[in-house]
C-alpha atoms as a PDB file:
ATOM      1  CA  MET A   1      94.414  72.726  89.043  1.00  0.00           C
ATOM      2  CA  LYS A   2      96.351  74.336  91.288  1.00  0.00           C
ATOM      3  CA  ALA A   3      97.092  78.031  91.040  1.00  0.00           C
ATOM      4  CA  VAL A   4      98.876  80.453  92.859  1.00  0.00           C
ATOM      5  CA  VAL A   5      97.398  84.199  93.195  1.00  0.00           C
ATOM      6  CA  PHE A   6      99.600  87.374  94.381  1.00  0.00           C
ATOM      7  CA  SER A   7      96.954  89.500  95.928  1.00  0.00           C
ATOM      8  CA  GLY A   8      96.334  92.107  98.515  1.00  0.00           C
ATOM      9  CA  THR A   9      94.009  93.957  95.761  1.00  0.00           C
ATOM     10  CA  THR A  10      90.420  93.768  95.250  1.00  0.00           C
ATOM     11  CA  GLU A  11      90.124  92.249  92.210  1.00  0.00           C
ATOM     12  CA  GLY A  12      93.070  89.355  93.440  1.00  0.00           C
ATOM     13  CA  ARG A  13      90.354  88.142  96.346  1.00  0.00           C
ATOM     14  CA  ARG A  14      87.103  88.507  93.627  1.00  0.00           C
ATOM     15  CA  PHE A  15      89.291  86.321  91.524  1.00  0.00           C
ATOM     16  CA  SER A  16      90.803  83.374  93.990  1.00  0.00           C
ATOM     17  CA  GLN A  17      86.959  83.266  95.291  1.00  0.00           C
ATOM     18  CA  LYS A  18      85.741  82.708  91.793  1.00  0.00           C
ATOM     19  CA  LEU A  19      88.402  80.212  91.188  1.00  0.00           C
ATOM     20  CA  ALA A  20      87.836  78.139  93.976  1.00  0.00           C
ATOM     21  CA  ALA A  21      84.355  78.234  93.324  1.00  0.00           C
ATOM     22  CA  LEU A  22      85.065  76.700  89.663  1.00  0.00           C
ATOM     23  CA  GLY A  23      87.307  73.702  92.073  1.00  0.00           C
ATOM     24  CA  ALA A  24      90.866  74.927  91.497  1.00  0.00           C
ATOM     25  CA  LYS A  25      93.001  74.695  94.654  1.00  0.00           C
ATOM     26  CA  VAL A  26      93.982  78.479  95.692  1.00  0.00           C
ATOM     27  CA  THR A  27      97.015  79.774  97.194  1.00  0.00           C
ATOM     28  CA  VAL A  28      96.788  83.079  97.885  1.00  0.00           C
ATOM     29  CA  CYS A  29      99.914  85.160  98.698  1.00  0.00           C
ATOM     30  CA  VAL A  30      99.631  88.981 100.675  1.00  0.00           C
ATOM     31  CA  ALA A  31     102.211  90.765 101.523  1.00  0.00           C
ATOM     32  CA  THR A  32     100.754  92.117 105.418  1.00  0.00           C
ATOM     33  CA  PRO A  33      98.439  90.790 107.990  1.00  0.00           C
ATOM     34  CA  LEU A  34      96.207  93.366 106.822  1.00  0.00           C
ATOM     35  CA  GLY A  35      95.756  91.709 103.394  1.00  0.00           C
ATOM     36  CA  ALA A  36      95.328  88.055 104.577  1.00  0.00           C
ATOM     37  CA  GLU A  37      92.601  89.607 107.074  1.00  0.00           C
ATOM     38  CA  GLU A  38      90.691  91.589 103.923  1.00  0.00           C
ATOM     39  CA  GLN A  39      90.742  88.316 102.202  1.00  0.00           C
ATOM     40  CA  GLY A  40      89.101  86.171 104.609  1.00  0.00           C
ATOM     41  CA  GLU A  41      88.311  82.310 104.668  1.00  0.00           C
ATOM     42  CA  MET A  42      86.570  80.072 102.616  1.00  0.00           C
ATOM     43  CA  ALA A  43      86.922  76.457 101.434  1.00  0.00           C
ATOM     44  CA  GLY A  44      89.384  75.991  99.026  1.00  0.00           C
ATOM     45  CA  ILE A  45      91.796  79.114  99.475  1.00  0.00           C
ATOM     46  CA  THR A  46      95.054  78.944 101.404  1.00  0.00           C
ATOM     47  CA  VAL A  47      96.043  82.288 102.521  1.00  0.00           C
ATOM     48  CA  HIS A  48     100.290  83.069 102.796  1.00  0.00           C
ATOM     49  CA  ALA A  49     100.430  86.237 104.290  1.00  0.00           C
ATOM     50  CA  GLY A  50     104.070  87.910 104.080  1.00  0.00           C
ATOM     51  CA  ARG A  51     106.783  89.630 101.666  1.00  0.00           C
ATOM     52  CA  LEU A  52     108.339  87.353  99.659  1.00  0.00           C
ATOM     53  CA  GLN A  53     112.028  87.182  97.747  1.00  0.00           C
ATOM     54  CA  PRO A  54     111.353  85.296  94.446  1.00  0.00           C
ATOM     55  CA  ASP A  55     113.471  82.301  95.443  1.00  0.00           C
ATOM     56  CA  ALA A  56     110.808  81.545  98.571  1.00  0.00           C
ATOM     57  CA  MET A  57     108.075  82.780  95.259  1.00  0.00           C
ATOM     58  CA  ALA A  58     109.267  79.880  93.138  1.00  0.00           C
ATOM     59  CA  ALA A  59     109.394  77.310  96.319  1.00  0.00           C
ATOM     60  CA  LEU A  60     105.544  78.636  96.780  1.00  0.00           C
ATOM     61  CA  LEU A  61     104.958  77.888  93.179  1.00  0.00           C
ATOM     62  CA  ALA A  62     106.074  75.106  92.809  1.00  0.00           C
ATOM     63  CA  GLY A  63     103.873  72.090  91.551  1.00  0.00           C
ATOM     64  CA  ALA A  64     101.248  74.702  90.443  1.00  0.00           C
ATOM     65  CA  ASP A  65      99.225  74.906  87.186  1.00  0.00           C
ATOM     66  CA  LEU A  66      99.259  78.562  87.440  1.00  0.00           C
ATOM     67  CA  CYS A  67     100.646  81.791  88.619  1.00  0.00           C
ATOM     68  CA  ILE A  68      98.397  84.865  89.090  1.00  0.00           C
ATOM     69  CA  ASP A  69      99.692  88.522  89.510  1.00  0.00           C
ATOM     70  CA  ALA A  70      96.797  90.398  90.814  1.00  0.00           C
ATOM     71  CA  THR A  71      98.871  92.715  92.467  1.00  0.00           C
ATOM     72  CA  HIS A  72      98.463  96.800  92.652  1.00  0.00           C
ATOM     73  CA  PRO A  73      99.305  98.384  88.872  1.00  0.00           C
ATOM     74  CA  TYR A  74     101.989 100.907  90.865  1.00  0.00           C
ATOM     75  CA  ALA A  75     103.693  97.574  92.675  1.00  0.00           C
ATOM     76  CA  VAL A  76     106.375  97.331  89.929  1.00  0.00           C
ATOM     77  CA  ASP A  77     108.735  95.106  91.979  1.00  0.00           C
ATOM     78  CA  ALA A  78     106.444  92.865  93.096  1.00  0.00           C
ATOM     79  CA  THR A  79     105.432  91.907  89.525  1.00  0.00           C
ATOM     80  CA  LYS A  80     109.154  91.995  88.414  1.00  0.00           C
ATOM     81  CA  ASN A  81     109.696  89.622  91.157  1.00  0.00           C
ATOM     82  CA  ILE A  82     106.455  87.260  90.603  1.00  0.00           C
ATOM     83  CA  ARG A  83     107.744  87.514  86.785  1.00  0.00           C
ATOM     84  CA  VAL A  84     111.188  85.745  87.224  1.00  0.00           C
ATOM     85  CA  ALA A  85     109.967  83.362  90.132  1.00  0.00           C
ATOM     86  CA  ALA A  86     107.330  81.715  87.507  1.00  0.00           C
ATOM     87  CA  ALA A  87     110.210  81.702  85.228  1.00  0.00           C
ATOM     88  CA  GLN A  88     112.639  79.738  87.636  1.00  0.00           C
ATOM     89  CA  ALA A  89     109.505  77.558  88.775  1.00  0.00           C
ATOM     90  CA  GLY A  90     108.736  76.785  84.816  1.00  0.00           C
ATOM     91  CA  VAL A  91     104.843  78.021  85.822  1.00  0.00           C
ATOM     92  CA  GLU A  92     102.644  79.569  83.655  1.00  0.00           C
ATOM     93  CA  TYR A  93     102.297  83.244  84.470  1.00  0.00           C
ATOM     94  CA  ARG A  94      99.760  85.875  83.970  1.00  0.00           C
ATOM     95  CA  ARG A  95      98.917  89.314  84.885  1.00  0.00           C
ATOM     96  CA  LEU A  96      95.648  90.212  86.049  1.00  0.00           C
ATOM     97  CA  LEU A  97      95.146  94.209  85.099  1.00  0.00           C
ATOM     98  CA  ARG A  98      93.116  96.628  86.640  1.00  0.00           C
ATOM     99  CA  ALA A  99      91.381  99.022  83.726  1.00  0.00           C
ATOM    100  CA  GLN A 100      93.008 102.326  83.591  1.00  0.00           C
ATOM    101  CA  SER A 101      90.334 105.609  84.743  1.00  0.00           C
ATOM    102  CA  PRO A 102      89.834 108.209  82.314  1.00  0.00           C
ATOM    103  CA  LEU A 103      91.888 111.388  83.635  1.00  0.00           C
ATOM    104  CA  PRO A 104      89.726 114.114  84.448  1.00  0.00           C
ATOM    105  CA  GLU A 105      90.831 117.375  82.396  1.00  0.00           C
ATOM    106  CA  GLY A 106      92.791 120.332  84.364  1.00  0.00           C
ATOM    107  CA  CYS A 107      94.567 117.746  86.292  1.00  0.00           C
ATOM    108  CA  ALA A 108      98.380 117.802  86.674  1.00  0.00           C
ATOM    109  CA  VAL A 109      99.775 114.698  86.063  1.00  0.00           C
ATOM    110  CA  PHE A 110     103.465 113.234  86.637  1.00  0.00           C
ATOM    111  CA  GLU A 111     105.673 110.555  86.230  1.00  0.00           C
ATOM    112  CA  THR A 112     106.416 110.282  89.944  1.00  0.00           C
ATOM    113  CA  ALA A 113     105.964 111.018  93.294  1.00  0.00           C
ATOM    114  CA  ALA A 114     109.161 113.037  93.464  1.00  0.00           C
ATOM    115  CA  GLN A 115     107.845 115.437  90.347  1.00  0.00           C
ATOM    116  CA  ALA A 116     104.424 115.868  92.025  1.00  0.00           C
ATOM    117  CA  ALA A 117     106.754 117.140  95.362  1.00  0.00           C
ATOM    118  CA  GLU A 118     108.561 119.599  92.878  1.00  0.00           C
ATOM    119  CA  TYR A 119     105.330 121.020  91.634  1.00  0.00           C
ATOM    120  CA  LEU A 120     103.544 120.808  95.379  1.00  0.00           C
ATOM    121  CA  ALA A 121     106.485 122.908  96.252  1.00  0.00           C
ATOM    122  CA  ARG A 122     105.758 125.485  94.237  1.00  0.00           C
ATOM    123  CA  GLN A 123     102.523 126.155  95.309  1.00  0.00           C
ATOM    124  CA  SER A 124     101.047 127.283  98.751  1.00  0.00           C
ATOM    125  CA  GLY A 125      98.031 125.090 100.358  1.00  0.00           C
ATOM    126  CA  ASN A 126      97.363 121.901 102.171  1.00  0.00           C
ATOM    127  CA  VAL A 127      97.646 118.782 100.200  1.00  0.00           C
ATOM    128  CA  LEU A 128      95.927 114.971 100.744  1.00  0.00           C
ATOM    129  CA  LEU A 129      98.411 112.516 100.223  1.00  0.00           C
ATOM    130  CA  ALA A 130      96.423 109.888  99.173  1.00  0.00           C
ATOM    131  CA  THR A 131      99.116 108.169  97.556  1.00  0.00           C
ATOM    132  CA  GLY A 132     100.189 105.443 100.283  1.00  0.00           C
ATOM    133  CA  ALA A 133     102.694 105.327 103.203  1.00  0.00           C
ATOM    134  CA  LYS A 134     105.556 104.481 100.812  1.00  0.00           C
ATOM    135  CA  GLU A 135     105.719 107.498  98.664  1.00  0.00           C
ATOM    136  CA  LEU A 136     106.000 109.579 102.144  1.00  0.00           C
ATOM    137  CA  SER A 137     109.524 110.000 102.172  1.00  0.00           C
ATOM    138  CA  ALA A 138     109.074 111.669  98.192  1.00  0.00           C
ATOM    139  CA  PHE A 139     107.368 114.404  99.928  1.00  0.00           C
ATOM    140  CA  ALA A 140     110.345 115.577 102.460  1.00  0.00           C
ATOM    141  CA  SER A 141     111.327 118.463 101.034  1.00  0.00           C
ATOM    142  CA  LEU A 142     107.801 120.035 101.598  1.00  0.00           C
ATOM    143  CA  ASP A 143     107.261 121.536 105.398  1.00  0.00           C
ATOM    144  CA  PRO A 144     105.471 118.210 106.962  1.00  0.00           C
ATOM    145  CA  ALA A 145     102.553 120.515 108.241  1.00  0.00           C
ATOM    146  CA  ARG A 146     101.210 121.165 104.791  1.00  0.00           C
ATOM    147  CA  LEU A 147     100.916 117.494 104.451  1.00  0.00           C
ATOM    148  CA  TYR A 148      97.868 115.319 105.070  1.00  0.00           C
ATOM    149  CA  PRO A 149      98.784 111.658 104.737  1.00  0.00           C
ATOM    150  CA  ARG A 150      96.155 109.244 104.619  1.00  0.00           C
ATOM    151  CA  VAL A 151      97.436 105.630 104.984  1.00  0.00           C
ATOM    152  CA  LEU A 152      96.714 102.493 106.091  1.00  0.00           C
ATOM    153  CA  PRO A 153      95.829 102.180 110.152  1.00  0.00           C
ATOM    154  CA  THR A 154      98.800  99.890 110.606  1.00  0.00           C
ATOM    155  CA  PRO A 155     101.890 100.346 112.848  1.00  0.00           C
ATOM    156  CA  GLU A 156     104.077 100.964 109.428  1.00  0.00           C
ATOM    157  CA  GLY A 157     101.792 103.306 108.451  1.00  0.00           C
ATOM    158  CA  ILE A 158     101.840 105.729 111.391  1.00  0.00           C
ATOM    159  CA  ALA A 159     105.802 104.922 111.695  1.00  0.00           C
ATOM    160  CA  ALA A 160     106.309 106.133 108.389  1.00  0.00           C
ATOM    161  CA  CYS A 161     104.022 109.224 108.957  1.00  0.00           C
ATOM    162  CA  GLU A 162     106.251 109.930 111.846  1.00  0.00           C
ATOM    163  CA  ALA A 163     109.368 109.353 110.119  1.00  0.00           C
ATOM    164  CA  ALA A 164     108.555 112.114 107.554  1.00  0.00           C
ATOM    165  CA  GLN A 165     107.827 114.123 110.530  1.00  0.00           C
ATOM    166  CA  ILE A 166     104.158 114.617 109.724  1.00  0.00           C
ATOM    167  CA  PRO A 167     102.528 116.169 112.985  1.00  0.00           C
ATOM    168  CA  HIS A 168     100.151 113.725 114.647  1.00  0.00           C
ATOM    169  CA  LYS A 169      97.414 115.540 114.278  1.00  0.00           C
ATOM    170  CA  ASN A 170      97.243 115.714 109.993  1.00  0.00           C
ATOM    171  CA  ILE A 171      97.675 111.598 110.211  1.00  0.00           C
ATOM    172  CA  ILE A 172      94.643 110.309 108.874  1.00  0.00           C
ATOM    173  CA  ALA A 173      95.244 106.028 109.177  1.00  0.00           C
ATOM    174  CA  MET A 174      92.183 104.459 107.499  1.00  0.00           C
ATOM    175  CA  GLN A 175      91.288 101.858 105.069  1.00  0.00           C
ATOM    176  CA  GLY A 176      90.041 102.352 101.968  1.00  0.00           C
ATOM    177  CA  PRO A 177      88.527 102.599  99.325  1.00  0.00           C
ATOM    178  CA  PHE A 178      86.704 106.271 100.645  1.00  0.00           C
ATOM    179  CA  SER A 179      83.084 107.393  99.746  1.00  0.00           C
ATOM    180  CA  LEU A 180      82.839 110.796  97.617  1.00  0.00           C
ATOM    181  CA  VAL A 181      81.070 111.859 101.294  1.00  0.00           C
ATOM    182  CA  LEU A 182      84.406 110.975 103.460  1.00  0.00           C
ATOM    183  CA  ASN A 183      86.792 112.538 100.717  1.00  0.00           C
ATOM    184  CA  VAL A 184      84.839 115.649 100.832  1.00  0.00           C
ATOM    185  CA  ALA A 185      84.334 115.655 104.214  1.00  0.00           C
ATOM    186  CA  LEU A 186      88.149 115.341 105.108  1.00  0.00           C
ATOM    187  CA  MET A 187      88.959 118.031 102.557  1.00  0.00           C
ATOM    188  CA  GLU A 188      86.518 120.418 104.204  1.00  0.00           C
ATOM    189  CA  GLN A 189      87.910 119.620 107.499  1.00  0.00           C
ATOM    190  CA  PHE A 190      91.900 120.395 106.393  1.00  0.00           C
ATOM    191  CA  HIS A 191      91.031 123.057 103.913  1.00  0.00           C
ATOM    192  CA  ILE A 192      92.821 120.611 101.238  1.00  0.00           C
ATOM    193  CA  GLN A 193      94.224 122.555  97.969  1.00  0.00           C
ATOM    194  CA  TYR A 194      95.908 119.814  96.516  1.00  0.00           C
ATOM    195  CA  LEU A 195      94.803 115.872  96.188  1.00  0.00           C
ATOM    196  CA  VAL A 196      97.507 113.505  95.439  1.00  0.00           C
ATOM    197  CA  THR A 197      96.989 109.968  94.054  1.00  0.00           C
ATOM    198  CA  LYS A 198      97.135 107.315  91.896  1.00  0.00           C
ATOM    199  CA  ASP A 199      95.119 106.046  89.446  1.00  0.00           C
ATOM    200  CA  GLY A 200      93.556 102.813  91.410  1.00  0.00           C
ATOM    201  CA  GLY A 201      90.672 102.708  88.823  1.00  0.00           C
ATOM    202  CA  ALA A 202      87.173 101.438  90.289  1.00  0.00           C
ATOM    203  CA  ALA A 203      89.025  99.351  92.873  1.00  0.00           C
ATOM    204  CA  GLY A 204      90.642 102.158  94.483  1.00  0.00           C
ATOM    205  CA  GLY A 205      88.174 104.991  94.934  1.00  0.00           C
ATOM    206  CA  PHE A 206      89.636 106.841  92.142  1.00  0.00           C
ATOM    207  CA  ALA A 207      86.208 108.592  90.597  1.00  0.00           C
ATOM    208  CA  GLU A 208      85.727 109.227  94.164  1.00  0.00           C
ATOM    209  CA  LYS A 209      88.562 111.344  94.150  1.00  0.00           C
ATOM    210  CA  VAL A 210      88.066 113.028  91.126  1.00  0.00           C
ATOM    211  CA  GLN A 211      84.677 113.984  92.177  1.00  0.00           C
ATOM    212  CA  ALA A 212      85.503 115.092  95.667  1.00  0.00           C
ATOM    213  CA  ALA A 213      88.516 117.581  93.952  1.00  0.00           C
ATOM    214  CA  ALA A 214      85.962 118.712  91.708  1.00  0.00           C
ATOM    215  CA  LYS A 215      83.427 119.594  94.705  1.00  0.00           C
ATOM    216  CA  THR A 216      85.977 121.172  97.012  1.00  0.00           C
ATOM    217  CA  GLY A 217      87.347 123.102  93.828  1.00  0.00           C
ATOM    218  CA  ALA A 218      90.730 121.469  95.038  1.00  0.00           C
ATOM    219  CA  GLN A 219      93.422 120.521  92.041  1.00  0.00           C
ATOM    220  CA  LEU A 220      93.814 116.865  91.236  1.00  0.00           C
ATOM    221  CA  VAL A 221      97.466 115.560  91.353  1.00  0.00           C
ATOM    222  CA  VAL A 222      98.014 112.054  89.533  1.00  0.00           C
ATOM    223  CA  LEU A 223     100.792 110.080  89.348  1.00  0.00           C
ATOM    224  CA  ARG A 224     100.784 108.222  86.274  1.00  0.00           C
ATOM    225  CA  ARG A 225     100.447 104.406  86.245  1.00  0.00           C
ATOM    226  CA  PRO A 226     103.209 102.820  84.806  1.00  0.00           C
ATOM    227  CA  PRO A 227     102.833 101.347  81.646  1.00  0.00           C
ATOM    228  CA  GLU A 228     101.855  97.257  81.614  1.00  0.00           C
ATOM    229  CA  VAL A 229     100.741  94.382  79.462  1.00  0.00           C
ATOM    230  CA  GLY A 230      98.179  91.663  80.618  1.00  0.00           C
ATOM    231  CA  GLU A 231      94.393  90.549  80.616  1.00  0.00           C
ATOM    232  CA  THR A 232      91.050  91.701  82.046  1.00  0.00           C
ATOM    233  CA  GLU A 233      89.464  89.479  84.747  1.00  0.00           C
ATOM    234  CA  ASP A 234      86.742  88.136  82.472  1.00  0.00           C
ATOM    235  CA  GLU A 235      89.961  87.359  79.979  1.00  0.00           C
ATOM    236  CA  LEU A 236      91.615  85.865  82.384  1.00  0.00           C
ATOM    237  CA  PHE A 237      88.626  83.525  84.052  1.00  0.00           C
ATOM    238  CA  THR A 238      87.793  82.946  80.653  1.00  0.00           C
ATOM    239  CA  HIS A 239      91.197  80.762  80.519  1.00  0.00           C
ATOM    240  CA  CYS A 240      91.183  79.310  84.189  1.00  0.00           C
ATOM    241  CA  GLN A 241      87.471  77.489  82.612  1.00  0.00           C
ATOM    242  CA  GLU A 242      89.263  76.398  79.820  1.00  0.00           C
ATOM    243  CA  MET A 243      92.644  74.772  81.997  1.00  0.00           C
ATOM    244  CA  LEU A 244      90.176  73.306  84.412  1.00  0.00           C
ATOM    245  CA  GLN A 245      88.391  71.674  81.225  1.00  0.00           C
ATOM    246  CA  TRP A 246      91.703  70.275  79.546  1.00  0.00           C
ATOM    247  CA  SER A 247      92.092  68.974  83.276  1.00  0.00           C
ATOM    248  CA  HIS A 248      89.343  66.827  83.446  1.00  0.00           C
END
């Protein structure tokens, strides 16, 4: 059985390893060298690093038995492209869903980063942006001196902060997920009054962010997750086991 896993997430890495352990030939696609580094090496797994357009994805899917989309819950465009590519290649598509988190009472919830920025423009105080470098431009209307973006320690992450005119002393370039202790320490160090985050679920350290906001008295601001249909890791794994049995 040949499977292609579009990953770059904790559950994508875990799932591809479980699949390879079953004896499947797995190609894991990640967008960045950092994703490839995190995936690591394992027998039965080939890693492809680099962003792909639907045509290139379809070419990669040729001859595969299954396409698994384990991209981040907020990577809406990637999911759209993977669906198109799987249909083009005539390969079965399955979406691996990350469980949603219960949102705590009192958090401010918005559909988009732009809406969150409008809300923050009416408030005062320092903001920890734990939404990733891609969302930074949405907060351009705010005073950069208030913003403390937490981005990946990559040239792209730093470049996005510089483009947004974030003072270098405000840039937190680190790779998560982060513990409660580290979140609290950063928020106290930088006098953070607003923590902006996506619902990244357990894998994205969401609970630790919620607890850190509660502990430091900061307002939690959450970007709502796009609605999705798919399967849990266990459901999808069972499906793969059945596919492997049929193929023998």
